[in-house]
Amino acid sequence: MKPKFPYYAVIFTNYRTAGDNGYQQTSERMMELAAQQPGYLGVDHAREETGITISYWESLRAIADWKAQADHLLAQKKGRETWYSEYRVRICRVEKEYAFSSDDTPA
């Protein structure tokens, strides 16, 4: 992913309740829907005890539109009622990034 700077990151950290209760299927569907939204740039995620999903967006407007998307609103409600014991959302403006890969070879 090489988006134009600046862009935005939505960091969603969460703690799940016991059982799947339809979570995995909905999570996969939300990833598919987010990727179709105007302004979507990509996603990173990890899950152990703490779940972390970071989605990347072109603008605050794109983030607001995703938050208000009808299927996403239903998933948010289900998350509060069933899937999460706790979560936090942080929205950050990304000004710069750099990376390392052991696969990188000098030019």
PDB file of N, CA and C in Angstrom:
ATOM      1  N   MET A   1       0.843  -1.178   0.000  1.00  0.00           N
ATOM      2  CA  MET A   1       0.000   0.000   0.000  1.00  0.00           C
ATOM      3  C   MET A   1       0.887   1.239   0.000  1.00  0.00           C
ATOM      4  N   LYS A   2       0.717   2.108  -0.982  1.00  0.00           N
ATOM      5  CA  LYS A   2       1.455   3.361  -1.060  1.00  0.00           C
ATOM      6  C   LYS A   2       0.488   4.511  -1.300  1.00  0.00           C
ATOM      7  N   PRO A   3      -0.319   4.851  -0.294  1.00  0.00           N
ATOM      8  CA  PRO A   3      -1.268   5.951  -0.480  1.00  0.00           C
ATOM      9  C   PRO A   3      -0.565   7.303  -0.469  1.00  0.00           C
ATOM     10  N   LYS A   4      -1.239   8.298  -0.989  1.00  0.00           N
ATOM     11  CA  LYS A   4      -0.754   9.664  -0.985  1.00  0.00           C
ATOM     12  C   LYS A   4      -0.924  10.241   0.419  1.00  0.00           C
ATOM     13  N   PHE A   5       0.100  10.927   0.910  1.00  0.00           N
ATOM     14  CA  PHE A   5       0.042  11.557   2.233  1.00  0.00           C
ATOM     15  C   PHE A   5      -0.648  12.900   2.149  1.00  0.00           C
ATOM     16  N   PRO A   6      -1.296  13.344   3.209  1.00  0.00           N
ATOM     17  CA  PRO A   6      -1.645  12.547   4.383  1.00  0.00           C
ATOM     18  C   PRO A   6      -2.852  11.668   4.079  1.00  0.00           C
ATOM     19  N   TYR A   7      -3.002  10.645   4.884  1.00  0.00           N
ATOM     20  CA  TYR A   7      -4.197   9.810   4.856  1.00  0.00           C
ATOM     21  C   TYR A   7      -4.556   9.503   6.298  1.00  0.00           C
ATOM     22  N   TYR A   8      -5.609   8.735   6.509  1.00  0.00           N
ATOM     23  CA  TYR A   8      -6.101   8.510   7.860  1.00  0.00           C
ATOM     24  C   TYR A   8      -6.109   7.029   8.210  1.00  0.00           C
ATOM     25  N   ALA A   9      -5.886   6.752   9.481  1.00  0.00           N
ATOM     26  CA  ALA A   9      -5.945   5.388  10.003  1.00  0.00           C
ATOM     27  C   ALA A   9      -7.010   5.344  11.097  1.00  0.00           C
ATOM     28  N   VAL A  10      -7.875   4.346  11.018  1.00  0.00           N
ATOM     29  CA  VAL A  10      -8.855   4.082  12.066  1.00  0.00           C
ATOM     30  C   VAL A  10      -8.369   2.838  12.790  1.00  0.00           C
ATOM     31  N   ILE A  11      -8.018   3.000  14.053  1.00  0.00           N
ATOM     32  CA  ILE A  11      -7.485   1.901  14.862  1.00  0.00           C
ATOM     33  C   ILE A  11      -8.596   1.414  15.784  1.00  0.00           C
ATOM     34  N   PHE A  12      -9.011   0.183  15.551  1.00  0.00           N
ATOM     35  CA  PHE A  12     -10.101  -0.417  16.322  1.00  0.00           C
ATOM     36  C   PHE A  12      -9.501  -1.537  17.169  1.00  0.00           C
ATOM     37  N   THR A  13      -9.399  -1.312  18.485  1.00  0.00           N
ATOM     38  CA  THR A  13      -8.915  -2.342  19.407  1.00  0.00           C
ATOM     39  C   THR A  13     -10.109  -2.878  20.180  1.00  0.00           C
ATOM     40  N   ASN A  14     -10.107  -4.195  20.406  1.00  0.00           N
ATOM     41  CA  ASN A  14     -11.279  -4.779  21.044  1.00  0.00           C
ATOM     42  C   ASN A  14     -10.945  -6.034  21.828  1.00  0.00           C
ATOM     43  N   TYR A  15     -11.847  -6.351  22.739  1.00  0.00           N
ATOM     44  CA  TYR A  15     -11.809  -7.592  23.509  1.00  0.00           C
ATOM     45  C   TYR A  15     -13.126  -8.303  23.258  1.00  0.00           C
ATOM     46  N   ARG A  16     -13.037  -9.542  22.805  1.00  0.00           N
ATOM     47  CA  ARG A  16     -14.211 -10.330  22.434  1.00  0.00           C
ATOM     48  C   ARG A  16     -14.829 -11.010  23.641  1.00  0.00           C
ATOM     49  N   THR A  17     -16.113 -11.284  23.518  1.00  0.00           N
ATOM     50  CA  THR A  17     -16.818 -12.140  24.462  1.00  0.00           C
ATOM     51  C   THR A  17     -16.614 -13.589  24.007  1.00  0.00           C
ATOM     52  N   ALA A  18     -17.049 -14.537  24.792  1.00  0.00           N
ATOM     53  CA  ALA A  18     -16.886 -15.962  24.455  1.00  0.00           C
ATOM     54  C   ALA A  18     -17.800 -16.351  23.303  1.00  0.00           C
ATOM     55  N   GLY A  19     -17.336 -17.280  22.483  1.00  0.00           N
ATOM     56  CA  GLY A  19     -18.145 -17.822  21.392  1.00  0.00           C
ATOM     57  C   GLY A  19     -18.083 -16.965  20.145  1.00  0.00           C
ATOM     58  N   ASP A  20     -18.365 -17.595  19.018  1.00  0.00           N
ATOM     59  CA  ASP A  20     -18.324 -16.882  17.735  1.00  0.00           C
ATOM     60  C   ASP A  20     -19.593 -16.071  17.506  1.00  0.00           C
ATOM     61  N   ASN A  21     -20.747 -16.685  17.702  1.00  0.00           N
ATOM     62  CA  ASN A  21     -22.047 -16.008  17.572  1.00  0.00           C
ATOM     63  C   ASN A  21     -22.195 -15.237  16.259  1.00  0.00           C
ATOM     64  N   GLY A  22     -21.658 -15.793  15.174  1.00  0.00           N
ATOM     65  CA  GLY A  22     -21.752 -15.155  13.867  1.00  0.00           C
ATOM     66  C   GLY A  22     -20.701 -14.101  13.596  1.00  0.00           C
ATOM     67  N   TYR A  23     -19.755 -13.952  14.515  1.00  0.00           N
ATOM     68  CA  TYR A  23     -18.738 -12.899  14.390  1.00  0.00           C
ATOM     69  C   TYR A  23     -17.870 -13.062  13.141  1.00  0.00           C
ATOM     70  N   GLN A  24     -17.311 -14.242  12.924  1.00  0.00           N
ATOM     71  CA  GLN A  24     -16.358 -14.440  11.831  1.00  0.00           C
ATOM     72  C   GLN A  24     -16.988 -14.116  10.480  1.00  0.00           C
ATOM     73  N   GLN A  25     -18.183 -14.614  10.252  1.00  0.00           N
ATOM     74  CA  GLN A  25     -18.871 -14.359   8.980  1.00  0.00           C
ATOM     75  C   GLN A  25     -19.122 -12.863   8.790  1.00  0.00           C
ATOM     76  N   THR A  26     -19.573 -12.197   9.832  1.00  0.00           N
ATOM     77  CA  THR A  26     -19.837 -10.764   9.735  1.00  0.00           C
ATOM     78  C   THR A  26     -18.542  -9.985   9.548  1.00  0.00           C
ATOM     79  N   SER A  27     -17.499 -10.383  10.245  1.00  0.00           N
ATOM     80  CA  SER A  27     -16.207  -9.722  10.107  1.00  0.00           C
ATOM     81  C   SER A  27     -15.703  -9.794   8.666  1.00  0.00           C
ATOM     82  N   GLU A  28     -15.797 -10.961   8.069  1.00  0.00           N
ATOM     83  CA  GLU A  28     -15.370 -11.129   6.681  1.00  0.00           C
ATOM     84  C   GLU A  28     -16.204 -10.264   5.742  1.00  0.00           C
ATOM     85  N   ARG A  29     -17.505 -10.206   5.993  1.00  0.00           N
ATOM     86  CA  ARG A  29     -18.389  -9.383   5.161  1.00  0.00           C
ATOM     87  C   ARG A  29     -18.059  -7.903   5.318  1.00  0.00           C
ATOM     88  N   MET A  30     -17.751  -7.454   6.540  1.00  0.00           N
ATOM     89  CA  MET A  30     -17.397  -6.057   6.751  1.00  0.00           C
ATOM     90  C   MET A  30     -16.113  -5.707   6.006  1.00  0.00           C
ATOM     91  N   MET A  31     -15.149  -6.624   5.980  1.00  0.00           N
ATOM     92  CA  MET A  31     -13.902  -6.395   5.231  1.00  0.00           C
ATOM     93  C   MET A  31     -14.212  -6.219   3.739  1.00  0.00           C
ATOM     94  N   GLU A  32     -15.094  -7.072   3.212  1.00  0.00           N
ATOM     95  CA  GLU A  32     -15.487  -6.968   1.801  1.00  0.00           C
ATOM     96  C   GLU A  32     -16.180  -5.634   1.520  1.00  0.00           C
ATOM     97  N   LEU A  33     -17.122  -5.255   2.383  1.00  0.00           N
ATOM     98  CA  LEU A  33     -17.861  -4.010   2.183  1.00  0.00           C
ATOM     99  C   LEU A  33     -16.963  -2.787   2.317  1.00  0.00           C
ATOM    100  N   ALA A  34     -16.088  -2.790   3.306  1.00  0.00           N
ATOM    101  CA  ALA A  34     -15.179  -1.651   3.496  1.00  0.00           C
ATOM    102  C   ALA A  34     -14.333  -1.442   2.244  1.00  0.00           C
ATOM    103  N   ALA A  35     -13.846  -2.535   1.657  1.00  0.00           N
ATOM    104  CA  ALA A  35     -13.005  -2.446   0.463  1.00  0.00           C
ATOM    105  C   ALA A  35     -13.741  -1.831  -0.726  1.00  0.00           C
ATOM    106  N   GLN A  36     -15.064  -1.849  -0.698  1.00  0.00           N
ATOM    107  CA  GLN A  36     -15.878  -1.275  -1.779  1.00  0.00           C
ATOM    108  C   GLN A  36     -16.200   0.199  -1.557  1.00  0.00           C
ATOM    109  N   GLN A  37     -15.881   0.728  -0.379  1.00  0.00           N
ATOM    110  CA  GLN A  37     -16.244   2.097  -0.050  1.00  0.00           C
ATOM    111  C   GLN A  37     -15.303   3.097  -0.715  1.00  0.00           C
ATOM    112  N   PRO A  38     -15.842   4.193  -1.241  1.00  0.00           N
ATOM    113  CA  PRO A  38     -14.975   5.250  -1.767  1.00  0.00           C
ATOM    114  C   PRO A  38     -14.034   5.745  -0.670  1.00  0.00           C
ATOM    115  N   GLY A  39     -12.772   5.911  -1.001  1.00  0.00           N
ATOM    116  CA  GLY A  39     -11.789   6.412  -0.050  1.00  0.00           C
ATOM    117  C   GLY A  39     -11.076   5.347   0.753  1.00  0.00           C
ATOM    118  N   TYR A  40     -11.464   4.089   0.616  1.00  0.00           N
ATOM    119  CA  TYR A  40     -10.810   2.987   1.334  1.00  0.00           C
ATOM    120  C   TYR A  40      -9.437   2.739   0.717  1.00  0.00           C
ATOM    121  N   LEU A  41      -8.429   2.567   1.572  1.00  0.00           N
ATOM    122  CA  LEU A  41      -7.062   2.342   1.100  1.00  0.00           C
ATOM    123  C   LEU A  41      -6.504   0.974   1.459  1.00  0.00           C
ATOM    124  N   GLY A  42      -7.003   0.333   2.521  1.00  0.00           N
ATOM    125  CA  GLY A  42      -6.486  -0.973   2.919  1.00  0.00           C
ATOM    126  C   GLY A  42      -6.747  -1.248   4.382  1.00  0.00           C
ATOM    127  N   VAL A  43      -6.233  -2.405   4.845  1.00  0.00           N
ATOM    128  CA  VAL A  43      -6.466  -2.818   6.223  1.00  0.00           C
ATOM    129  C   VAL A  43      -5.333  -3.716   6.705  1.00  0.00           C
ATOM    130  N   ASP A  44      -5.051  -3.649   7.982  1.00  0.00           N
ATOM    131  CA  ASP A  44      -4.171  -4.577   8.692  1.00  0.00           C
ATOM    132  C   ASP A  44      -4.956  -5.052   9.909  1.00  0.00           C
ATOM    133  N   HIS A  45      -4.784  -6.322  10.293  1.00  0.00           N
ATOM    134  CA  HIS A  45      -5.465  -6.769  11.506  1.00  0.00           C
ATOM    135  C   HIS A  45      -4.721  -7.939  12.144  1.00  0.00           C
ATOM    136  N   ALA A  46      -4.949  -8.076  13.448  1.00  0.00           N
ATOM    137  CA  ALA A  46      -4.345  -9.153  14.229  1.00  0.00           C
ATOM    138  C   ALA A  46      -5.279  -9.484  15.378  1.00  0.00           C
ATOM    139  N   ARG A  47      -5.245 -10.741  15.813  1.00  0.00           N
ATOM    140  CA  ARG A  47      -6.078 -11.135  16.938  1.00  0.00           C
ATOM    141  C   ARG A  47      -5.323 -12.146  17.790  1.00  0.00           C
ATOM    142  N   GLU A  48      -5.199 -11.833  19.020  1.00  0.00           N
ATOM    143  CA  GLU A  48      -4.805 -12.771  20.073  1.00  0.00           C
ATOM    144  C   GLU A  48      -5.806 -12.498  21.183  1.00  0.00           C
ATOM    145  N   GLU A  49      -5.341 -12.072  22.347  1.00  0.00           N
ATOM    146  CA  GLU A  49      -6.286 -11.667  23.391  1.00  0.00           C
ATOM    147  C   GLU A  49      -6.946 -10.341  23.032  1.00  0.00           C
ATOM    148  N   THR A  50      -6.170  -9.449  22.444  1.00  0.00           N
ATOM    149  CA  THR A  50      -6.680  -8.166  21.984  1.00  0.00           C
ATOM    150  C   THR A  50      -6.789  -8.211  20.472  1.00  0.00           C
ATOM    151  N   GLY A  51      -7.932  -7.816  19.939  1.00  0.00           N
ATOM    152  CA  GLY A  51      -8.086  -7.695  18.497  1.00  0.00           C
ATOM    153  C   GLY A  51      -7.709  -6.292  18.074  1.00  0.00           C
ATOM    154  N   ILE A  52      -6.974  -6.183  16.983  1.00  0.00           N
ATOM    155  CA  ILE A  52      -6.587  -4.876  16.457  1.00  0.00           C
ATOM    156  C   ILE A  52      -6.852  -4.882  14.959  1.00  0.00           C
ATOM    157  N   THR A  53      -7.672  -3.958  14.522  1.00  0.00           N
ATOM    158  CA  THR A  53      -7.908  -3.755  13.097  1.00  0.00           C
ATOM    159  C   THR A  53      -7.602  -2.298  12.791  1.00  0.00           C
ATOM    160  N   ILE A  54      -6.749  -2.079  11.812  1.00  0.00           N
ATOM    161  CA  ILE A  54      -6.413  -0.725  11.385  1.00  0.00           C
ATOM    162  C   ILE A  54      -6.826  -0.600   9.929  1.00  0.00           C
ATOM    163  N   SER A  55      -7.787   0.264   9.682  1.00  0.00           N
ATOM    164  CA  SER A  55      -8.197   0.521   8.303  1.00  0.00           C
ATOM    165  C   SER A  55      -7.680   1.889   7.901  1.00  0.00           C
ATOM    166  N   TYR A  56      -7.401   2.026   6.606  1.00  0.00           N
ATOM    167  CA  TYR A  56      -6.778   3.233   6.078  1.00  0.00           C
ATOM    168  C   TYR A  56      -7.723   3.892   5.084  1.00  0.00           C
ATOM    169  N   TRP A  57      -7.813   5.231   5.190  1.00  0.00           N
ATOM    170  CA  TRP A  57      -8.804   5.988   4.426  1.00  0.00           C
ATOM    171  C   TRP A  57      -8.212   7.273   3.885  1.00  0.00           C
ATOM    172  N   GLU A  58      -8.757   7.725   2.760  1.00  0.00           N
ATOM    173  CA  GLU A  58      -8.294   8.963   2.135  1.00  0.00           C
ATOM    174  C   GLU A  58      -8.694  10.208   2.914  1.00  0.00           C
ATOM    175  N   SER A  59      -9.837  10.142   3.619  1.00  0.00           N
ATOM    176  CA  SER A  59     -10.355  11.363   4.242  1.00  0.00           C
ATOM    177  C   SER A  59     -11.227  11.039   5.454  1.00  0.00           C
ATOM    178  N   LEU A  60     -11.458  12.058   6.266  1.00  0.00           N
ATOM    179  CA  LEU A  60     -12.385  11.921   7.388  1.00  0.00           C
ATOM    180  C   LEU A  60     -13.801  11.690   6.881  1.00  0.00           C
ATOM    181  N   ARG A  61     -14.150  12.270   5.728  1.00  0.00           N
ATOM    182  CA  ARG A  61     -15.478  12.063   5.137  1.00  0.00           C
ATOM    183  C   ARG A  61     -15.671  10.596   4.777  1.00  0.00           C
ATOM    184  N   ALA A  62     -14.643   9.961   4.205  1.00  0.00           N
ATOM    185  CA  ALA A  62     -14.732   8.543   3.847  1.00  0.00           C
ATOM    186  C   ALA A  62     -14.932   7.691   5.097  1.00  0.00           C
ATOM    187  N   ILE A  63     -14.269   8.046   6.185  1.00  0.00           N
ATOM    188  CA  ILE A  63     -14.429   7.324   7.453  1.00  0.00           C
ATOM    189  C   ILE A  63     -15.859   7.483   7.965  1.00  0.00           C
ATOM    190  N   ALA A  64     -16.367   8.694   7.943  1.00  0.00           N
ATOM    191  CA  ALA A  64     -17.737   8.945   8.412  1.00  0.00           C
ATOM    192  C   ALA A  64     -18.756   8.187   7.562  1.00  0.00           C
ATOM    193  N   ASP A  65     -18.525   8.157   6.255  1.00  0.00           N
ATOM    194  CA  ASP A  65     -19.441   7.425   5.371  1.00  0.00           C
ATOM    195  C   ASP A  65     -19.421   5.937   5.684  1.00  0.00           C
ATOM    196  N   TRP A  66     -18.255   5.370   5.954  1.00  0.00           N
ATOM    197  CA  TRP A  66     -18.155   3.949   6.306  1.00  0.00           C
ATOM    198  C   TRP A  66     -18.860   3.684   7.638  1.00  0.00           C
ATOM    199  N   LYS A  67     -18.641   4.551   8.611  1.00  0.00           N
ATOM    200  CA  LYS A  67     -19.290   4.373   9.918  1.00  0.00           C
ATOM    201  C   LYS A  67     -20.806   4.365   9.782  1.00  0.00           C
ATOM    202  N   ALA A  68     -21.344   5.136   8.821  1.00  0.00           N
ATOM    203  CA  ALA A  68     -22.788   5.261   8.639  1.00  0.00           C
ATOM    204  C   ALA A  68     -23.365   4.262   7.635  1.00  0.00           C
ATOM    205  N   GLN A  69     -22.540   3.421   7.037  1.00  0.00           N
ATOM    206  CA  GLN A  69     -23.022   2.448   6.055  1.00  0.00           C
ATOM    207  C   GLN A  69     -23.991   1.482   6.748  1.00  0.00           C
ATOM    208  N   ALA A  70     -25.111   1.176   6.110  1.00  0.00           N
ATOM    209  CA  ALA A  70     -26.213   0.450   6.760  1.00  0.00           C
ATOM    210  C   ALA A  70     -25.797  -0.896   7.349  1.00  0.00           C
ATOM    211  N   ASP A  71     -25.117  -1.742   6.587  1.00  0.00           N
ATOM    212  CA  ASP A  71     -24.696  -3.045   7.118  1.00  0.00           C
ATOM    213  C   ASP A  71     -23.684  -2.887   8.246  1.00  0.00           C
ATOM    214  N   HIS A  72     -22.822  -1.883   8.123  1.00  0.00           N
ATOM    215  CA  HIS A  72     -21.831  -1.624   9.166  1.00  0.00           C
ATOM    216  C   HIS A  72     -22.506  -1.150  10.453  1.00  0.00           C
ATOM    217  N   LEU A  73     -23.564  -0.346  10.322  1.00  0.00           N
ATOM    218  CA  LEU A  73     -24.328   0.079  11.508  1.00  0.00           C
ATOM    219  C   LEU A  73     -24.907  -1.123  12.249  1.00  0.00           C
ATOM    220  N   LEU A  74     -25.436  -2.092  11.504  1.00  0.00           N
ATOM    221  CA  LEU A  74     -25.975  -3.309  12.128  1.00  0.00           C
ATOM    222  C   LEU A  74     -24.878  -4.104  12.824  1.00  0.00           C
ATOM    223  N   ALA A  75     -23.709  -4.198  12.192  1.00  0.00           N
ATOM    224  CA  ALA A  75     -22.585  -4.919  12.801  1.00  0.00           C
ATOM    225  C   ALA A  75     -22.107  -4.203  14.069  1.00  0.00           C
ATOM    226  N   GLN A  76     -22.097  -2.870  14.041  1.00  0.00           N
ATOM    227  CA  GLN A  76     -21.704  -2.116  15.237  1.00  0.00           C
ATOM    228  C   GLN A  76     -22.651  -2.412  16.398  1.00  0.00           C
ATOM    229  N   LYS A  77     -23.946  -2.444  16.094  1.00  0.00           N
ATOM    230  CA  LYS A  77     -24.947  -2.735  17.131  1.00  0.00           C
ATOM    231  C   LYS A  77     -24.741  -4.136  17.704  1.00  0.00           C
ATOM    232  N   LYS A  78     -24.542  -5.108  16.821  1.00  0.00           N
ATOM    233  CA  LYS A  78     -24.312  -6.491  17.258  1.00  0.00           C
ATOM    234  C   LYS A  78     -23.023  -6.579  18.087  1.00  0.00           C
ATOM    235  N   GLY A  79     -22.018  -5.822  17.690  1.00  0.00           N
ATOM    236  CA  GLY A  79     -20.772  -5.794  18.452  1.00  0.00           C
ATOM    237  C   GLY A  79     -20.978  -5.333  19.880  1.00  0.00           C
ATOM    238  N   ARG A  80     -21.740  -4.262  20.040  1.00  0.00           N
ATOM    239  CA  ARG A  80     -22.005  -3.752  21.395  1.00  0.00           C
ATOM    240  C   ARG A  80     -22.867  -4.719  22.199  1.00  0.00           C
ATOM    241  N   GLU A  81     -23.808  -5.384  21.545  1.00  0.00           N
ATOM    242  CA  GLU A  81     -24.735  -6.280  22.244  1.00  0.00           C
ATOM    243  C   GLU A  81     -24.151  -7.664  22.510  1.00  0.00           C
ATOM    244  N   THR A  82     -23.291  -8.178  21.612  1.00  0.00           N
ATOM    245  CA  THR A  82     -22.928  -9.595  21.650  1.00  0.00           C
ATOM    246  C   THR A  82     -21.427  -9.881  21.610  1.00  0.00           C
ATOM    247  N   TRP A  83     -20.690  -9.266  20.691  1.00  0.00           N
ATOM    248  CA  TRP A  83     -19.327  -9.724  20.388  1.00  0.00           C
ATOM    249  C   TRP A  83     -18.221  -9.137  21.248  1.00  0.00           C
ATOM    250  N   TYR A  84     -18.397  -7.927  21.755  1.00  0.00           N
ATOM    251  CA  TYR A  84     -17.299  -7.251  22.446  1.00  0.00           C
ATOM    252  C   TYR A  84     -17.634  -6.974  23.900  1.00  0.00           C
ATOM    253  N   SER A  85     -16.660  -7.212  24.758  1.00  0.00           N
ATOM    254  CA  SER A  85     -16.790  -6.780  26.140  1.00  0.00           C
ATOM    255  C   SER A  85     -16.262  -5.356  26.284  1.00  0.00           C
ATOM    256  N   GLU A  86     -15.422  -4.957  25.328  1.00  0.00           N
ATOM    257  CA  GLU A  86     -14.848  -3.615  25.356  1.00  0.00           C
ATOM    258  C   GLU A  86     -14.235  -3.335  23.989  1.00  0.00           C
ATOM    259  N   TYR A  87     -14.313  -2.081  23.545  1.00  0.00           N
ATOM    260  CA  TYR A  87     -13.576  -1.679  22.354  1.00  0.00           C
ATOM    261  C   TYR A  87     -13.247  -0.202  22.414  1.00  0.00           C
ATOM    262  N   ARG A  88     -12.310   0.194  21.580  1.00  0.00           N
ATOM    263  CA  ARG A  88     -11.896   1.592  21.475  1.00  0.00           C
ATOM    264  C   ARG A  88     -11.583   1.871  20.010  1.00  0.00           C
ATOM    265  N   VAL A  89     -11.982   3.053  19.544  1.00  0.00           N
ATOM    266  CA  VAL A  89     -11.692   3.481  18.176  1.00  0.00           C
ATOM    267  C   VAL A  89     -10.862   4.756  18.253  1.00  0.00           C
ATOM    268  N   ARG A  90      -9.760   4.759  17.515  1.00  0.00           N
ATOM    269  CA  ARG A  90      -8.904   5.941  17.425  1.00  0.00           C
ATOM    270  C   ARG A  90      -8.774   6.302  15.952  1.00  0.00           C
ATOM    271  N   ILE A  91      -8.857   7.575  15.645  1.00  0.00           N
ATOM    272  CA  ILE A  91      -8.696   8.044  14.271  1.00  0.00           C
ATOM    273  C   ILE A  91      -7.477   8.958  14.241  1.00  0.00           C
ATOM    274  N   CYS A  92      -6.545   8.622  13.359  1.00  0.00           N
ATOM    275  CA  CYS A  92      -5.267   9.329  13.297  1.00  0.00           C
ATOM    276  C   CYS A  92      -4.979   9.795  11.878  1.00  0.00           C
ATOM    277  N   ARG A  93      -4.330  10.912  11.762  1.00  0.00           N
ATOM    278  CA  ARG A  93      -3.854  11.397  10.464  1.00  0.00           C
ATOM    279  C   ARG A  93      -2.425  10.897  10.283  1.00  0.00           C
ATOM    280  N   VAL A  94      -2.181  10.201   9.200  1.00  0.00           N
ATOM    281  CA  VAL A  94      -0.852   9.653   8.912  1.00  0.00           C
ATOM    282  C   VAL A  94      -0.116  10.639   8.023  1.00  0.00           C
ATOM    283  N   GLU A  95       0.987  11.145   8.529  1.00  0.00           N
ATOM    284  CA  GLU A  95       1.789  12.139   7.812  1.00  0.00           C
ATOM    285  C   GLU A  95       2.977  11.517   7.089  1.00  0.00           C
ATOM    286  N   LYS A  96       3.443  10.387   7.605  1.00  0.00           N
ATOM    287  CA  LYS A  96       4.664   9.790   7.083  1.00  0.00           C
ATOM    288  C   LYS A  96       4.678   8.318   7.453  1.00  0.00           C
ATOM    289  N   GLU A  97       5.349   7.515   6.659  1.00  0.00           N
ATOM    290  CA  GLU A  97       5.557   6.125   7.020  1.00  0.00           C
ATOM    291  C   GLU A  97       6.885   5.661   6.439  1.00  0.00           C
ATOM    292  N   TYR A  98       7.431   4.641   7.041  1.00  0.00           N
ATOM    293  CA  TYR A  98       8.602   3.982   6.497  1.00  0.00           C
ATOM    294  C   TYR A  98       8.514   2.525   6.845  1.00  0.00           C
ATOM    295  N   ALA A  99       9.301   1.703   6.164  1.00  0.00           N
ATOM    296  CA  ALA A  99       9.161   0.264   6.333  1.00  0.00           C
ATOM    297  C   ALA A  99      10.513  -0.429   6.204  1.00  0.00           C
ATOM    298  N   PHE A 100      10.550  -1.654   6.623  1.00  0.00           N
ATOM    299  CA  PHE A 100      11.702  -2.536   6.466  1.00  0.00           C
ATOM    300  C   PHE A 100      11.193  -3.895   6.052  1.00  0.00           C
ATOM    301  N   SER A 101      11.925  -4.549   5.199  1.00  0.00           N
ATOM    302  CA  SER A 101      11.646  -5.933   4.843  1.00  0.00           C
ATOM    303  C   SER A 101      12.974  -6.628   4.623  1.00  0.00           C
ATOM    304  N   SER A 102      13.152  -7.788   5.212  1.00  0.00           N
ATOM    305  CA  SER A 102      14.397  -8.533   5.005  1.00  0.00           C
ATOM    306  C   SER A 102      14.525  -9.001   3.559  1.00  0.00           C
ATOM    307  N   ASP A 103      13.414  -8.931   2.807  1.00  0.00           N
ATOM    308  CA  ASP A 103      13.461  -9.276   1.383  1.00  0.00           C
ATOM    309  C   ASP A 103      13.986  -8.148   0.520  1.00  0.00           C
ATOM    310  N   ASP A 104      14.096  -6.939   1.084  1.00  0.00           N
ATOM    311  CA  ASP A 104      14.602  -5.800   0.311  1.00  0.00           C
ATOM    312  C   ASP A 104      16.061  -6.036  -0.047  1.00  0.00           C
ATOM    313  N   THR A 105      16.397  -5.807  -1.280  1.00  0.00           N
ATOM    314  CA  THR A 105      17.786  -5.932  -1.716  1.00  0.00           C
ATOM    315  C   THR A 105      18.271  -4.568  -2.163  1.00  0.00           C
ATOM    316  N   PRO A 106      19.519  -4.247  -1.869  1.00  0.00           N
ATOM    317  CA  PRO A 106      20.047  -2.934  -2.273  1.00  0.00           C
ATOM    318  C   PRO A 106      20.029  -2.785  -3.786  1.00  0.00           C
ATOM    319  N   ALA A 107      19.784  -1.567  -4.212  1.00  0.00           N
ATOM    320  CA  ALA A 107      19.734  -1.301  -5.669  1.00  0.00           C
ATOM    321  C   ALA A 107      21.125  -1.211  -6.252  1.00  0.00           C
TER     322      ALA A 107
END
